[in-house]
């Protein structure tokens, strides 16, 4: 039996191009990513853009919150480097897109889901973040595919699973074991792991039966999948 695994590029291909930018996304696609993970926040004028941090300081050298800037001001401060979600979806081509929502306000979720719909991308986009964010997504889009990010070994409560209705449970890689993966599968869910950058850990998670692995080194993960005879690609 062949295990099918989704290779997810974390924020694009950040070792070759700045994370969450169009060059990073295109590099990840060129190197064989099945899906690209992108972090989305909204500007003051409600434009969904790609940025993990709440401020521009780490990546762009400006200690200012993205939600305090209009989109035009954001473009000026970053030289056009921070793409809109709309442009990022186009850059990903036909690849799947995992939208992470680190700043999941009601406005952020509503505008993000709206852009995904307008772009006709609902079938290839799925969402990940904590339970508070995913409850907002579920309210905004009853049919959304969700990867519920979970950071403890205590299982999600049934009432939460019923409300969120995730397809995936998305775990930090260090928490996963074969027993945990088996339990998740027995509950009818898929196993997603993040963020995995060493070949040894990739091999270990594949042996556990992970259905999806998110990595900053998409080329290394693709090589592991090619060299594992019992593993295919989704």
Foldseek 3Di string as FASTA:
>chain_A
DFFAAAEEEEQAQCVVPPGQFLVRLLNNVVLPHLEYEFEWDAALVLFIWTDDDQACCPPQNDGDGRNDHDPVVVCVSRVNGIGTVLVSVVSNPPHAYEYEYNPQDLSRLLSVVVSCVVSVNQVRYAYEDALVNLLSNCVNPVPGAYAHEDEDPPDDDPVSCVSNVHQHDEYALVNDDLVSQVVCVVVNHAYEYDDDEDLVSLVRVVVSSHRYYYYSHSNSNVVSQVPPVRYDYD
